[in-house]
Each structure stands twice: as C-alpha cells, then as structure tokens.
Amino acid sequence: KSCIVVMPATSAKVKIDAVRGYGAQVDLIDVGVTSRSARVTELSLQHPDAFVASAYDDPYVILGNSSLGRELSALKPLPEFVVVPIGGGGLASGVITGIKRARKKIQVIGAEPLLGNDAARSLKAGHIIKNDQEPQTLADGARTLSLGERNWKILQRGLQQIVEVPEEQIQEAVRLLFNSANLKVEPTGALSVAAVLTQPEIFKDRLVCCVISGGNVDPSVYAKLIQG
C-alpha cells in the first residue's frame, strides 16, 4: 500500500525529507494556486479506495493528542494554565479532550500567529472564519485556511481564549528556548512561549505549562532565527 502526503512547496525541507524517509510519496503544491484541501479532494477522486486522513480534523488525531491532556492532568502541582499552539486545532482539541476526561480544572489557552488569526476571529464571531489563503507566517505548522469542523466543536467550548502572536515574538521565543532551555524548537512549536511573551499580564503569578510541539526546522532557517 502507498501513501501520498500533500504538502506546500514552501514546507521545510527537513519535514519533506522526513515524510519521504517513512516511505510516503510527497505531493508538493503551490498553495497560492490551489489549497491543500482541494488537492486532497482531487487525489481522493483519482484513488476512490484510498483512506483520506486530515492532519488535524480527524477523530484519531484528536484522540491521540488527548493522551497529552491526560499527562498534563497528572502533573503535580497542577498547572492553572496550559498554552497550546493552534493551526488547524488538532493538538489543542486533543489536549482539551484529555483534560476534560481527567476531570481537572485547567484553563487551556490557544497560541496562534497574528498573521493567521482565523481561530481567534472564529472564537469571537461564534462560527468558523476562514482565511482567504494560507498565511505565510514563520509558524509553518499553523498555515491553515481554517479550523477543522471536529476541532471547532471542542475548541469553542473548551478554550479560555486565544493569544494572537506577532512574528517578532515567535522569533524571540525560538531564541529564548535555544539560549535558556537548550531546546531546538521550530517556530510553530514555540508559539506557546511566544504567547506568554506577547501577553505576560495574563500569566503573571500563575502556574503555566507551555506545550512545545516540534523541532522540525531547516538548519539554515534556524540559524537565522537564533542569530536574530
């Protein structure tokens, strides 16, 4: 059986190589011409027997990420806030699901790039708002047109709020994690720390857990980020 993964042509090379390393075929597209969802639909028509899996709007993705919510719920002392990066919403909705099932009182705050703030706008509007095109934020894992339908139902009820993070704070968070915590983190993975840098007044004198979600970044790009 073969696997086709649709990815933007602007994806980090390290991510593309990793997908190919697992034996999958990478279908690179220009998202300015066609969206990832449109290309997936096109491929599904060409391969009617194929199983179509969303990167975030999928019950298995949510269920898998809920294990992190359960782990966070077992921390002692228990954090008052958990800050989670948001793109399509698969990670955040999973964390909320896990915390809810553990019956713990932890507030979940989303961290989203200001350049791609569709989730924040959706939360304010009370319905899903879509970007016209994929936002070209440094946080390439959050370059989504909108939240997933399954994710939205969970996020609308379970998110305390969303912090909209400027690009400068994303870069600063990457540098801070490298210099202070010796962690190599991709821009999307650093969104949670960037949210704390963006609105520190929310988290002052609170016990906060930041979810750091990934370290897949091209060496040349990473070098520029940490050098400022």
C-alpha atoms as a PDB file:
ATOM      1  CA  LYS A   1       0.000   0.000   0.000  1.00  0.00           C
ATOM      2  CA  SER A   2       1.202   3.503  -0.835  1.00  0.00           C
ATOM      3  CA  CYS A   3       0.719   6.795   0.983  1.00  0.00           C
ATOM      4  CA  ILE A   4       0.512  10.251  -0.573  1.00  0.00           C
ATOM      5  CA  VAL A   5       1.083  13.295   1.630  1.00  0.00           C
ATOM      6  CA  VAL A   6       0.045  16.702   0.290  1.00  0.00           C
ATOM      7  CA  MET A   7       2.422  19.453   1.409  1.00  0.00           C
ATOM      8  CA  PRO A   8       3.013  23.101   0.417  1.00  0.00           C
ATOM      9  CA  ALA A   9       6.055  23.621  -1.797  1.00  0.00           C
ATOM     10  CA  THR A  10       7.281  26.060   0.859  1.00  0.00           C
ATOM     11  CA  SER A  11       7.408  23.362   3.563  1.00  0.00           C
ATOM     12  CA  ALA A  12      10.647  22.968   5.482  1.00  0.00           C
ATOM     13  CA  LYS A  13      12.959  20.598   3.635  1.00  0.00           C
ATOM     14  CA  VAL A  14      13.563  18.655   6.848  1.00  0.00           C
ATOM     15  CA  LYS A  15       9.819  17.915   7.039  1.00  0.00           C
ATOM     16  CA  ILE A  16       9.630  16.841   3.406  1.00  0.00           C
ATOM     17  CA  ASP A  17      12.658  14.566   3.832  1.00  0.00           C
ATOM     18  CA  ALA A  18      11.171  13.058   6.997  1.00  0.00           C
ATOM     19  CA  VAL A  19       7.918  12.161   5.235  1.00  0.00           C
ATOM     20  CA  ARG A  20       9.831  10.580   2.365  1.00  0.00           C
ATOM     21  CA  GLY A  21      12.009   8.767   4.874  1.00  0.00           C
ATOM     22  CA  TYR A  22       8.928   6.941   6.144  1.00  0.00           C
ATOM     23  CA  GLY A  23       8.240   5.740   2.596  1.00  0.00           C
ATOM     24  CA  ALA A  24       5.453   8.137   1.652  1.00  0.00           C
ATOM     25  CA  GLN A  25       5.120   9.969  -1.628  1.00  0.00           C
ATOM     26  CA  VAL A  26       5.154  13.756  -1.216  1.00  0.00           C
ATOM     27  CA  ASP A  27       2.829  15.795  -3.404  1.00  0.00           C
ATOM     28  CA  LEU A  28       4.138  19.375  -3.326  1.00  0.00           C
ATOM     29  CA  ILE A  29       1.713  22.124  -4.305  1.00  0.00           C
ATOM     30  CA  ASP A  30       1.672  25.886  -4.752  1.00  0.00           C
ATOM     31  CA  VAL A  31      -0.914  26.937  -2.148  1.00  0.00           C
ATOM     32  CA  GLY A  32      -1.297  30.261  -3.955  1.00  0.00           C
ATOM     33  CA  VAL A  33      -2.825  28.322  -6.846  1.00  0.00           C
ATOM     34  CA  THR A  34      -4.671  25.507  -5.081  1.00  0.00           C
ATOM     35  CA  SER A  35      -5.339  24.733  -1.437  1.00  0.00           C
ATOM     36  CA  ARG A  36      -4.234  21.571   0.306  1.00  0.00           C
ATOM     37  CA  SER A  37      -7.835  20.515   0.878  1.00  0.00           C
ATOM     38  CA  ALA A  38      -8.663  20.998  -2.812  1.00  0.00           C
ATOM     39  CA  ARG A  39      -5.668  18.888  -3.824  1.00  0.00           C
ATOM     40  CA  VAL A  40      -6.613  16.162  -1.339  1.00  0.00           C
ATOM     41  CA  THR A  41     -10.131  16.109  -2.789  1.00  0.00           C
ATOM     42  CA  GLU A  42      -8.643  15.813  -6.272  1.00  0.00           C
ATOM     43  CA  LEU A  43      -6.450  12.893  -5.241  1.00  0.00           C
ATOM     44  CA  SER A  44      -9.327  11.157  -3.458  1.00  0.00           C
ATOM     45  CA  LEU A  45     -11.292  11.166  -6.709  1.00  0.00           C
ATOM     46  CA  GLN A  46      -8.297   9.646  -8.503  1.00  0.00           C
ATOM     47  CA  HIS A  47      -7.954   6.988  -5.790  1.00  0.00           C
ATOM     48  CA  PRO A  48     -11.533   6.162  -4.682  1.00  0.00           C
ATOM     49  CA  ASP A  49     -10.412   3.277  -2.454  1.00  0.00           C
ATOM     50  CA  ALA A  50      -7.952   5.413  -0.502  1.00  0.00           C
ATOM     51  CA  PHE A  51      -8.404   6.388   3.146  1.00  0.00           C
ATOM     52  CA  VAL A  52      -8.290  10.179   3.444  1.00  0.00           C
ATOM     53  CA  ALA A  53      -6.748  11.400   6.705  1.00  0.00           C
ATOM     54  CA  SER A  54      -6.767  15.031   7.752  1.00  0.00           C
ATOM     55  CA  ALA A  55      -3.694  16.352   9.534  1.00  0.00           C
ATOM     56  CA  TYR A  56      -5.917  17.793  12.260  1.00  0.00           C
ATOM     57  CA  ASP A  57      -9.666  17.396  11.601  1.00  0.00           C
ATOM     58  CA  ASP A  58      -9.737  13.696  12.369  1.00  0.00           C
ATOM     59  CA  PRO A  59     -11.095  11.778  15.392  1.00  0.00           C
ATOM     60  CA  TYR A  60      -7.932   9.674  15.625  1.00  0.00           C
ATOM     61  CA  VAL A  61      -5.735  12.777  15.638  1.00  0.00           C
ATOM     62  CA  ILE A  62      -7.830  14.288  18.426  1.00  0.00           C
ATOM     63  CA  LEU A  63      -7.822  11.022  20.375  1.00  0.00           C
ATOM     64  CA  GLY A  64      -4.051  10.649  20.024  1.00  0.00           C
ATOM     65  CA  ASN A  65      -3.443  14.198  21.219  1.00  0.00           C
ATOM     66  CA  SER A  66      -5.810  13.666  24.145  1.00  0.00           C
ATOM     67  CA  SER A  67      -3.110  11.489  25.721  1.00  0.00           C
ATOM     68  CA  LEU A  68      -1.092  14.682  26.247  1.00  0.00           C
ATOM     69  CA  GLY A  69      -4.075  16.253  28.006  1.00  0.00           C
ATOM     70  CA  ARG A  70      -4.225  13.274  30.360  1.00  0.00           C
ATOM     71  CA  GLU A  71      -0.482  13.523  31.078  1.00  0.00           C
ATOM     72  CA  LEU A  72      -0.774  17.234  31.855  1.00  0.00           C
ATOM     73  CA  SER A  73      -3.688  16.475  34.169  1.00  0.00           C
ATOM     74  CA  ALA A  74      -1.429  14.190  36.199  1.00  0.00           C
ATOM     75  CA  LEU A  75       1.194  16.879  36.870  1.00  0.00           C
ATOM     76  CA  LYS A  76       1.862  17.862  40.462  1.00  0.00           C
ATOM     77  CA  PRO A  77       1.404  20.656  41.197  1.00  0.00           C
ATOM     78  CA  LEU A  78      -1.394  21.043  38.669  1.00  0.00           C
ATOM     79  CA  PRO A  79      -0.889  23.940  36.227  1.00  0.00           C
ATOM     80  CA  GLU A  80      -3.513  26.668  36.214  1.00  0.00           C
ATOM     81  CA  PHE A  81      -2.992  27.349  32.505  1.00  0.00           C
ATOM     82  CA  VAL A  82      -1.901  25.174  29.601  1.00  0.00           C
ATOM     83  CA  VAL A  83      -0.883  27.118  26.496  1.00  0.00           C
ATOM     84  CA  VAL A  84      -1.181  25.201  23.212  1.00  0.00           C
ATOM     85  CA  PRO A  85      -0.251  26.183  19.625  1.00  0.00           C
ATOM     86  CA  ILE A  86      -3.183  26.361  17.212  1.00  0.00           C
ATOM     87  CA  GLY A  87      -3.222  25.831  13.466  1.00  0.00           C
ATOM     88  CA  GLY A  88      -5.990  23.506  12.376  1.00  0.00           C
ATOM     89  CA  GLY A  89      -6.811  22.742  16.003  1.00  0.00           C
ATOM     90  CA  GLY A  90      -5.982  19.045  16.264  1.00  0.00           C
ATOM     91  CA  LEU A  91      -3.468  19.395  19.087  1.00  0.00           C
ATOM     92  CA  ALA A  92      -5.471  21.903  21.121  1.00  0.00           C
ATOM     93  CA  SER A  93      -8.748  19.994  20.813  1.00  0.00           C
ATOM     94  CA  GLY A  94      -6.966  16.802  21.850  1.00  0.00           C
ATOM     95  CA  VAL A  95      -5.443  18.457  24.924  1.00  0.00           C
ATOM     96  CA  ILE A  96      -8.843  19.858  25.911  1.00  0.00           C
ATOM     97  CA  THR A  97     -10.431  16.424  25.458  1.00  0.00           C
ATOM     98  CA  GLY A  98      -7.792  14.743  27.641  1.00  0.00           C
ATOM     99  CA  ILE A  99      -8.119  17.325  30.429  1.00  0.00           C
ATOM    100  CA  LYS A 100     -11.901  17.073  30.340  1.00  0.00           C
ATOM    101  CA  ARG A 101     -11.804  13.286  30.605  1.00  0.00           C
ATOM    102  CA  ALA A 102      -9.414  13.574  33.541  1.00  0.00           C
ATOM    103  CA  ARG A 103     -11.914  15.955  35.163  1.00  0.00           C
ATOM    104  CA  LYS A 104      -9.281  18.544  36.020  1.00  0.00           C
ATOM    105  CA  LYS A 105      -9.806  22.288  36.255  1.00  0.00           C
ATOM    106  CA  ILE A 106      -7.104  23.565  33.938  1.00  0.00           C
ATOM    107  CA  GLN A 107      -7.682  26.534  31.650  1.00  0.00           C
ATOM    108  CA  VAL A 108      -6.486  25.986  28.075  1.00  0.00           C
ATOM    109  CA  ILE A 109      -5.264  28.998  26.133  1.00  0.00           C
ATOM    110  CA  GLY A 110      -4.508  28.876  22.421  1.00  0.00           C
ATOM    111  CA  ALA A 111      -1.458  30.475  20.805  1.00  0.00           C
ATOM    112  CA  GLU A 112      -1.943  31.491  17.184  1.00  0.00           C
ATOM    113  CA  PRO A 113       0.109  33.585  14.734  1.00  0.00           C
ATOM    114  CA  LEU A 114      -1.355  37.068  14.306  1.00  0.00           C
ATOM    115  CA  LEU A 115      -0.811  36.684  10.554  1.00  0.00           C
ATOM    116  CA  GLY A 116      -3.124  33.669  10.532  1.00  0.00           C
ATOM    117  CA  ASN A 117      -5.600  34.519  13.280  1.00  0.00           C
ATOM    118  CA  ASP A 118      -8.653  32.742  11.861  1.00  0.00           C
ATOM    119  CA  ALA A 119      -9.143  30.732  15.077  1.00  0.00           C
ATOM    120  CA  ALA A 120      -9.149  33.877  17.226  1.00  0.00           C
ATOM    121  CA  ARG A 121     -11.603  35.554  14.862  1.00  0.00           C
ATOM    122  CA  SER A 122     -13.763  32.431  14.851  1.00  0.00           C
ATOM    123  CA  LEU A 123     -13.875  32.335  18.647  1.00  0.00           C
ATOM    124  CA  LYS A 124     -15.006  35.965  18.750  1.00  0.00           C
ATOM    125  CA  ALA A 125     -17.581  35.506  15.984  1.00  0.00           C
ATOM    126  CA  GLY A 126     -19.003  32.232  17.281  1.00  0.00           C
ATOM    127  CA  HIS A 127     -18.534  30.400  13.984  1.00  0.00           C
ATOM    128  CA  ILE A 128     -15.660  29.236  11.786  1.00  0.00           C
ATOM    129  CA  ILE A 129     -13.987  32.028   9.819  1.00  0.00           C
ATOM    130  CA  LYS A 130     -11.646  31.037   7.005  1.00  0.00           C
ATOM    131  CA  ASN A 131      -8.523  32.747   5.701  1.00  0.00           C
ATOM    132  CA  ASP A 132      -8.617  33.671   2.018  1.00  0.00           C
ATOM    133  CA  GLN A 133      -5.267  31.947   1.550  1.00  0.00           C
ATOM    134  CA  GLU A 134      -2.725  30.153   3.689  1.00  0.00           C
ATOM    135  CA  PRO A 135      -0.987  32.783   5.851  1.00  0.00           C
ATOM    136  CA  GLN A 136       2.760  32.955   5.291  1.00  0.00           C
ATOM    137  CA  THR A 137       3.713  33.073   8.949  1.00  0.00           C
ATOM    138  CA  LEU A 138       7.035  31.778  10.242  1.00  0.00           C
ATOM    139  CA  ALA A 139       4.976  29.160  12.074  1.00  0.00           C
ATOM    140  CA  ASP A 140       4.537  26.951   9.016  1.00  0.00           C
ATOM    141  CA  GLY A 141       2.622  24.329  11.005  1.00  0.00           C
ATOM    142  CA  ALA A 142      -0.118  26.912  11.534  1.00  0.00           C
ATOM    143  CA  ARG A 143      -0.523  27.856   7.868  1.00  0.00           C
ATOM    144  CA  THR A 144      -4.077  26.615   7.647  1.00  0.00           C
ATOM    145  CA  LEU A 145      -7.136  28.097   5.972  1.00  0.00           C
ATOM    146  CA  SER A 146      -9.361  27.373   8.946  1.00  0.00           C
ATOM    147  CA  LEU A 147     -10.020  25.194  11.947  1.00  0.00           C
ATOM    148  CA  GLY A 148     -11.379  21.715  11.346  1.00  0.00           C
ATOM    149  CA  GLU A 149     -15.098  21.158  11.899  1.00  0.00           C
ATOM    150  CA  ARG A 150     -14.497  18.473  14.559  1.00  0.00           C
ATOM    151  CA  ASN A 151     -11.869  20.620  16.244  1.00  0.00           C
ATOM    152  CA  TRP A 152     -14.087  23.688  16.281  1.00  0.00           C
ATOM    153  CA  LYS A 153     -16.835  21.982  18.276  1.00  0.00           C
ATOM    154  CA  ILE A 154     -14.322  21.172  21.015  1.00  0.00           C
ATOM    155  CA  LEU A 155     -12.363  24.437  20.912  1.00  0.00           C
ATOM    156  CA  GLN A 156     -15.436  26.648  21.029  1.00  0.00           C
ATOM    157  CA  ARG A 157     -16.448  25.128  24.359  1.00  0.00           C
ATOM    158  CA  GLY A 158     -13.034  24.358  25.821  1.00  0.00           C
ATOM    159  CA  LEU A 159     -10.725  27.294  25.046  1.00  0.00           C
ATOM    160  CA  GLN A 160     -10.401  30.073  27.587  1.00  0.00           C
ATOM    161  CA  GLN A 161      -9.050  32.450  24.941  1.00  0.00           C
ATOM    162  CA  ILE A 162      -6.545  32.729  22.099  1.00  0.00           C
ATOM    163  CA  VAL A 163      -3.442  34.916  22.174  1.00  0.00           C
ATOM    164  CA  GLU A 164      -2.565  36.317  18.746  1.00  0.00           C
ATOM    165  CA  VAL A 165       1.221  36.257  18.433  1.00  0.00           C
ATOM    166  CA  PRO A 166       3.229  38.701  16.255  1.00  0.00           C
ATOM    167  CA  GLU A 167       6.054  37.270  14.137  1.00  0.00           C
ATOM    168  CA  GLU A 168       8.679  39.091  16.223  1.00  0.00           C
ATOM    169  CA  GLN A 169       7.576  37.257  19.361  1.00  0.00           C
ATOM    170  CA  ILE A 170       7.674  33.907  17.562  1.00  0.00           C
ATOM    171  CA  GLN A 171      11.301  34.552  16.654  1.00  0.00           C
ATOM    172  CA  GLU A 172      12.077  35.688  20.199  1.00  0.00           C
ATOM    173  CA  ALA A 173      10.522  32.533  21.636  1.00  0.00           C
ATOM    174  CA  VAL A 174      12.666  30.332  19.359  1.00  0.00           C
ATOM    175  CA  ARG A 175      15.782  32.190  20.529  1.00  0.00           C
ATOM    176  CA  LEU A 176      14.722  32.075  24.182  1.00  0.00           C
ATOM    177  CA  LEU A 177      14.153  28.312  24.111  1.00  0.00           C
ATOM    178  CA  PHE A 178      17.542  27.771  22.475  1.00  0.00           C
ATOM    179  CA  ASN A 179      19.516  30.096  24.760  1.00  0.00           C
ATOM    180  CA  SER A 180      17.746  29.432  28.064  1.00  0.00           C
ATOM    181  CA  ALA A 181      16.460  25.872  27.784  1.00  0.00           C
ATOM    182  CA  ASN A 182      18.878  24.366  25.233  1.00  0.00           C
ATOM    183  CA  LEU A 183      15.897  23.338  23.107  1.00  0.00           C
ATOM    184  CA  LYS A 184      15.808  23.311  19.302  1.00  0.00           C
ATOM    185  CA  VAL A 185      12.194  24.245  18.567  1.00  0.00           C
ATOM    186  CA  GLU A 186      10.512  25.086  15.285  1.00  0.00           C
ATOM    187  CA  PRO A 187       8.532  28.369  15.104  1.00  0.00           C
ATOM    188  CA  THR A 188       5.149  26.623  15.396  1.00  0.00           C
ATOM    189  CA  GLY A 189       6.361  24.697  18.427  1.00  0.00           C
ATOM    190  CA  ALA A 190       7.463  27.930  20.083  1.00  0.00           C
ATOM    191  CA  LEU A 191       4.047  29.592  19.759  1.00  0.00           C
ATOM    192  CA  SER A 192       3.035  28.800  23.344  1.00  0.00           C
ATOM    193  CA  VAL A 193       6.073  30.529  24.820  1.00  0.00           C
ATOM    194  CA  ALA A 194       5.597  33.362  22.331  1.00  0.00           C
ATOM    195  CA  ALA A 195       2.055  33.814  23.653  1.00  0.00           C
ATOM    196  CA  VAL A 196       3.415  34.314  27.175  1.00  0.00           C
ATOM    197  CA  LEU A 197       5.889  36.880  25.816  1.00  0.00           C
ATOM    198  CA  THR A 198       3.068  38.627  23.943  1.00  0.00           C
ATOM    199  CA  GLN A 199       0.625  38.953  26.849  1.00  0.00           C
ATOM    200  CA  PRO A 200       2.571  38.337  30.081  1.00  0.00           C
ATOM    201  CA  GLU A 201      -0.114  40.038  32.178  1.00  0.00           C
ATOM    202  CA  ILE A 202      -2.438  37.063  31.654  1.00  0.00           C
ATOM    203  CA  PHE A 203       0.054  34.655  33.184  1.00  0.00           C
ATOM    204  CA  LYS A 204       1.602  36.769  35.942  1.00  0.00           C
ATOM    205  CA  ASP A 205       1.866  34.878  39.261  1.00  0.00           C
ATOM    206  CA  ARG A 206       0.195  31.805  37.708  1.00  0.00           C
ATOM    207  CA  LEU A 207       1.490  28.265  37.267  1.00  0.00           C
ATOM    208  CA  VAL A 208       1.739  27.884  33.495  1.00  0.00           C
ATOM    209  CA  CYS A 209       2.549  24.914  31.275  1.00  0.00           C
ATOM    210  CA  CYS A 210       3.611  25.686  27.685  1.00  0.00           C
ATOM    211  CA  VAL A 211       3.245  22.872  25.159  1.00  0.00           C
ATOM    212  CA  ILE A 212       6.348  22.799  22.931  1.00  0.00           C
ATOM    213  CA  SER A 213       5.257  20.944  19.822  1.00  0.00           C
ATOM    214  CA  GLY A 214       8.018  20.147  17.380  1.00  0.00           C
ATOM    215  CA  GLY A 215      11.596  20.757  16.326  1.00  0.00           C
ATOM    216  CA  ASN A 216      11.452  20.251  12.553  1.00  0.00           C
ATOM    217  CA  VAL A 217      13.158  23.276  11.043  1.00  0.00           C
ATOM    218  CA  ASP A 218      15.760  23.622   8.302  1.00  0.00           C
ATOM    219  CA  PRO A 219      19.246  24.336   9.735  1.00  0.00           C
ATOM    220  CA  SER A 220      19.762  27.488   7.637  1.00  0.00           C
ATOM    221  CA  VAL A 221      16.395  28.929   8.713  1.00  0.00           C
ATOM    222  CA  TYR A 222      17.015  28.006  12.335  1.00  0.00           C
ATOM    223  CA  ALA A 223      20.463  29.625  12.320  1.00  0.00           C
ATOM    224  CA  LYS A 224      18.941  32.901  11.109  1.00  0.00           C
ATOM    225  CA  LEU A 225      16.220  32.758  13.766  1.00  0.00           C
ATOM    226  CA  ILE A 226      18.533  32.232  16.731  1.00  0.00           C
ATOM    227  CA  GLN A 227      21.006  34.831  15.454  1.00  0.00           C
ATOM    228  CA  GLY A 228      18.210  37.390  15.290  1.00  0.00           C
END
